[in-house]
Amino acid sequence: MAQSGSFQNQARSVDAMLDNGTHVCLRRIRHSDIERIEDGISQMSDQSRYLRFFSGSKTMPPSVVERLASVDGTLHLAWGVINMDEPDHPAIAAAHVFRTSDAGDSGEFAIAVLDQYHGQGVARILMATIFLDCYCEGFRQLQIDILRNNKKASGLIRSVGATPRALEGPVAQYNLVIRDAISALQKMESPRAIKDIMAAFAAG
């Protein structure tokens, strides 16, 4: 099994198959995806939108959408998942990492998956992709803020090694060592697409 130190920043997109047979493409988010980002936010349930953005509003301020779309590959990394089986190839998930300082190796991580795709392994394959990209770009650890009542998200990040930094108040804060998270994902038997993603980033 490859170790995280052997991965190189080669992948720009990865074709994968969910365990239920859905064909998806994971690719880096571009500024031209700004309408997809707005559509995705509007399609989230009120509960999911609140858990992701700490706001129940059906639309985010233009400044928030612009920030999500402004990806430079160094200070802001972002990947989306596209459903290739649907006619318009809609976006079904997105993950973002913002570097906390220009020269630092830490970042802030957030992820969202449309409600109808929950429980299909989308979050795990997206995490595998963006964590590998982060590692290749010099990130070594991530900070994650999750509302304390978001038990599913807390369980997900704990499953890849996240440890609590602060659990008081409405928002729980976690630290995640990226190399440990990649190793944890490598060991997972499901979803099977994780192995394809690891191979896409592997050296050679």
Protein backbone atom coordinates (compact mmCIF):
# COMPACT_ATOMS: atom_id res chain seq x y z
CA MET A 1 0.00 0.00 0.00
CA ALA A 2 1.37 3.40 -0.97
CA GLN A 3 2.24 5.85 1.78
CA SER A 4 1.13 9.47 1.60
CA GLY A 5 4.67 10.68 1.03
CA SER A 6 4.74 8.92 -2.36
CA PHE A 7 1.88 10.93 -3.87
CA GLN A 8 2.54 13.66 -6.40
CA ASN A 9 0.32 16.52 -7.49
CA GLN A 10 -0.60 15.05 -10.86
CA ALA A 11 -4.36 14.66 -10.85
CA ARG A 12 -6.60 17.45 -12.13
CA SER A 13 -9.67 15.26 -12.33
CA VAL A 14 -10.55 11.67 -11.47
CA ASP A 15 -13.33 9.51 -12.92
CA ALA A 16 -14.84 7.16 -10.37
CA MET A 17 -17.81 4.91 -9.78
CA LEU A 18 -19.87 5.00 -6.62
CA ASP A 19 -20.65 1.62 -5.09
CA ASN A 20 -24.23 1.95 -6.38
CA GLY A 21 -22.96 2.28 -9.96
CA THR A 22 -23.27 6.04 -10.38
CA HIS A 23 -20.51 7.47 -12.59
CA VAL A 24 -18.95 10.59 -11.09
CA CYS A 25 -16.09 12.90 -11.93
CA LEU A 26 -14.07 14.57 -9.20
CA ARG A 27 -12.34 17.71 -10.42
CA ARG A 28 -10.89 20.95 -9.20
CA ILE A 29 -13.36 23.78 -8.84
CA ARG A 30 -12.90 26.74 -11.20
CA HIS A 31 -14.25 30.29 -11.03
CA SER A 32 -16.50 29.41 -13.98
CA ASP A 33 -18.32 27.05 -11.59
CA ILE A 34 -19.80 29.98 -9.68
CA GLU A 35 -23.34 29.29 -10.94
CA ARG A 36 -22.97 25.61 -10.04
CA ILE A 37 -21.95 26.68 -6.54
CA GLU A 38 -25.02 28.91 -6.19
CA ASP A 39 -27.29 26.15 -7.53
CA GLY A 40 -25.79 23.60 -5.16
CA ILE A 41 -26.34 25.83 -2.15
CA SER A 42 -29.96 26.44 -3.14
CA GLN A 43 -30.56 22.68 -3.57
CA MET A 44 -29.39 21.80 -0.08
CA SER A 45 -32.06 21.23 2.51
CA ASP A 46 -32.49 23.98 5.10
CA GLN A 47 -30.96 21.69 7.70
CA SER A 48 -27.93 20.78 5.58
CA ARG A 49 -27.38 24.42 4.61
CA TYR A 50 -27.47 25.42 8.26
CA LEU A 51 -25.04 22.68 9.25
CA ARG A 52 -22.60 23.67 6.48
CA PHE A 53 -22.80 27.46 6.56
CA PHE A 54 -24.21 28.00 10.07
CA SER A 55 -27.04 29.84 8.31
CA GLY A 56 -30.48 28.74 7.16
CA SER A 57 -30.67 31.25 4.32
CA LYS A 58 -31.43 29.67 0.93
CA THR A 59 -28.85 31.94 -0.70
CA MET A 60 -25.44 33.05 0.46
CA PRO A 61 -24.18 36.64 0.10
CA PRO A 62 -22.32 37.24 -3.19
CA SER A 63 -19.09 37.69 -1.23
CA VAL A 64 -19.38 34.15 0.18
CA VAL A 65 -20.09 32.60 -3.23
CA GLU A 66 -17.21 34.57 -4.76
CA ARG A 67 -14.86 33.32 -2.07
CA LEU A 68 -15.90 29.72 -2.70
CA ALA A 69 -15.34 30.15 -6.44
CA SER A 70 -11.97 31.92 -6.15
CA VAL A 71 -9.66 28.91 -6.12
CA ASP A 72 -5.93 29.48 -6.71
CA GLY A 73 -4.59 25.99 -5.93
CA THR A 74 -2.22 27.30 -3.26
CA LEU A 75 -4.06 29.32 -0.63
CA HIS A 76 -7.46 27.91 -1.55
CA LEU A 77 -7.95 24.35 -2.77
CA ALA A 78 -11.37 23.10 -3.77
CA TRP A 79 -12.76 19.98 -5.46
CA GLY A 80 -16.24 19.14 -6.62
CA VAL A 81 -18.06 15.95 -7.53
CA ILE A 82 -20.06 15.88 -10.77
CA ASN A 83 -22.76 13.31 -11.53
CA MET A 84 -21.87 12.17 -15.05
CA ASP A 85 -25.03 10.06 -15.39
CA GLU A 86 -27.35 13.07 -15.28
CA PRO A 87 -27.95 15.06 -18.51
CA ASP A 88 -26.66 18.39 -17.21
CA HIS A 89 -23.82 16.86 -15.18
CA PRO A 90 -24.88 18.56 -11.93
CA ALA A 91 -22.51 19.16 -9.05
CA ILE A 92 -23.41 16.98 -6.07
CA ALA A 93 -20.69 17.81 -3.55
CA ALA A 94 -17.83 20.21 -2.86
CA ALA A 95 -14.95 20.48 -0.42
CA HIS A 96 -12.75 23.49 0.33
CA VAL A 97 -9.50 24.10 2.18
CA PHE A 98 -8.28 27.63 2.95
CA ARG A 99 -4.66 28.04 4.06
CA THR A 100 -4.60 29.81 7.41
CA SER A 101 -1.42 31.78 6.57
CA ASP A 102 0.48 32.39 3.34
CA ALA A 103 3.50 30.31 4.36
CA GLY A 104 1.84 27.92 6.78
CA ASP A 105 1.08 24.22 6.49
CA SER A 106 -2.37 24.42 8.12
CA GLY A 107 -5.76 25.01 6.57
CA GLU A 108 -9.46 25.23 7.34
CA PHE A 109 -11.57 22.43 5.86
CA ALA A 110 -15.26 22.24 4.99
CA ILE A 111 -17.35 19.82 2.92
CA ALA A 112 -20.95 19.59 1.70
CA VAL A 113 -22.88 16.84 -0.10
CA LEU A 114 -26.39 17.28 -1.51
CA ASP A 115 -28.94 15.50 0.67
CA GLN A 116 -30.02 12.91 -1.91
CA TYR A 117 -26.43 11.65 -2.15
CA HIS A 118 -25.87 11.17 1.56
CA GLY A 119 -24.83 7.67 2.59
CA GLN A 120 -23.32 6.77 -0.80
CA GLY A 121 -19.65 7.31 0.04
CA VAL A 122 -19.44 10.68 -1.74
CA ALA A 123 -17.95 12.50 1.26
CA ARG A 124 -15.23 9.90 1.74
CA ILE A 125 -14.08 9.87 -1.88
CA LEU A 126 -14.11 13.67 -1.92
CA MET A 127 -12.10 13.81 1.29
CA ALA A 128 -9.58 11.37 -0.14
CA THR A 129 -9.16 13.59 -3.19
CA ILE A 130 -8.79 16.93 -1.49
CA PHE A 131 -6.58 15.54 1.31
CA LEU A 132 -4.19 14.12 -1.28
CA ASP A 133 -4.16 17.43 -3.13
CA CYS A 134 -3.56 19.25 0.16
CA TYR A 135 -0.63 17.02 1.04
CA CYS A 136 0.94 17.59 -2.36
CA GLU A 137 0.55 21.36 -1.89
CA GLY A 138 2.35 21.35 1.46
CA PHE A 139 -0.57 21.23 3.87
CA ARG A 140 0.04 18.98 6.86
CA GLN A 141 -2.90 19.61 9.18
CA LEU A 142 -6.43 20.91 9.00
CA GLN A 143 -8.82 22.67 11.35
CA ILE A 144 -12.49 21.79 11.13
CA ASP A 145 -15.42 23.60 12.76
CA ILE A 146 -18.63 21.60 13.11
CA LEU A 147 -21.85 22.46 14.89
CA ARG A 148 -22.07 20.23 17.94
CA ASN A 149 -25.42 18.80 16.89
CA ASN A 150 -23.99 17.64 13.54
CA LYS A 151 -23.31 14.12 14.76
CA LYS A 152 -22.85 12.60 11.28
CA ALA A 153 -20.13 15.07 10.33
CA SER A 154 -18.38 14.61 13.67
CA GLY A 155 -18.44 10.84 13.24
CA LEU A 156 -17.11 11.13 9.70
CA ILE A 157 -14.08 13.22 10.55
CA ARG A 158 -13.36 11.20 13.68
CA SER A 159 -13.29 8.09 11.47
CA VAL A 160 -10.27 9.55 9.64
CA GLY A 161 -8.43 10.55 12.79
CA ALA A 162 -9.68 14.03 13.70
CA THR A 163 -9.23 14.92 17.36
CA PRO A 164 -11.22 17.52 19.31
CA ARG A 165 -9.54 20.82 20.07
CA ALA A 166 -12.52 22.52 21.70
CA LEU A 167 -15.95 21.09 22.38
CA GLU A 168 -17.51 23.92 24.35
CA GLY A 169 -20.14 26.22 22.90
CA PRO A 170 -22.29 25.56 19.82
CA VAL A 171 -19.31 24.87 17.52
CA ALA A 172 -16.93 21.95 18.06
CA GLN A 173 -13.39 22.42 16.76
CA TYR A 174 -11.22 19.56 15.53
CA ASN A 175 -7.64 19.10 14.38
CA LEU A 176 -6.78 16.64 11.62
CA VAL A 177 -3.33 15.42 10.57
CA ILE A 178 -3.61 14.96 6.82
CA ARG A 179 -1.18 12.05 6.56
CA ASP A 180 -3.13 10.15 9.22
CA ALA A 181 -6.40 10.86 7.41
CA ILE A 182 -5.01 9.56 4.11
CA SER A 183 -3.80 6.40 5.83
CA ALA A 184 -7.20 5.87 7.44
CA LEU A 185 -8.96 6.30 4.08
CA GLN A 186 -6.55 3.88 2.39
CA LYS A 187 -7.57 1.19 4.86
CA MET A 188 -11.29 1.56 4.19
CA GLU A 189 -12.88 -1.18 2.11
CA SER A 190 -15.77 1.06 1.07
CA PRO A 191 -16.31 3.02 -1.04
CA ARG A 192 -14.22 1.12 -3.57
CA ALA A 193 -13.52 4.31 -5.55
CA ILE A 194 -11.03 5.40 -2.89
CA LYS A 195 -8.50 3.00 -4.40
CA ASP A 196 -8.98 4.59 -7.84
CA ILE A 197 -8.38 8.02 -6.38
CA MET A 198 -5.22 6.91 -4.58
CA ALA A 199 -3.95 5.42 -7.84
CA ALA A 200 -4.63 8.68 -9.72
CA PHE A 201 -2.42 10.59 -7.31
CA ALA A 202 0.29 7.93 -6.98
CA ALA A 203 3.77 8.55 -8.30
CA GLY A 204 4.49 7.22 -11.76
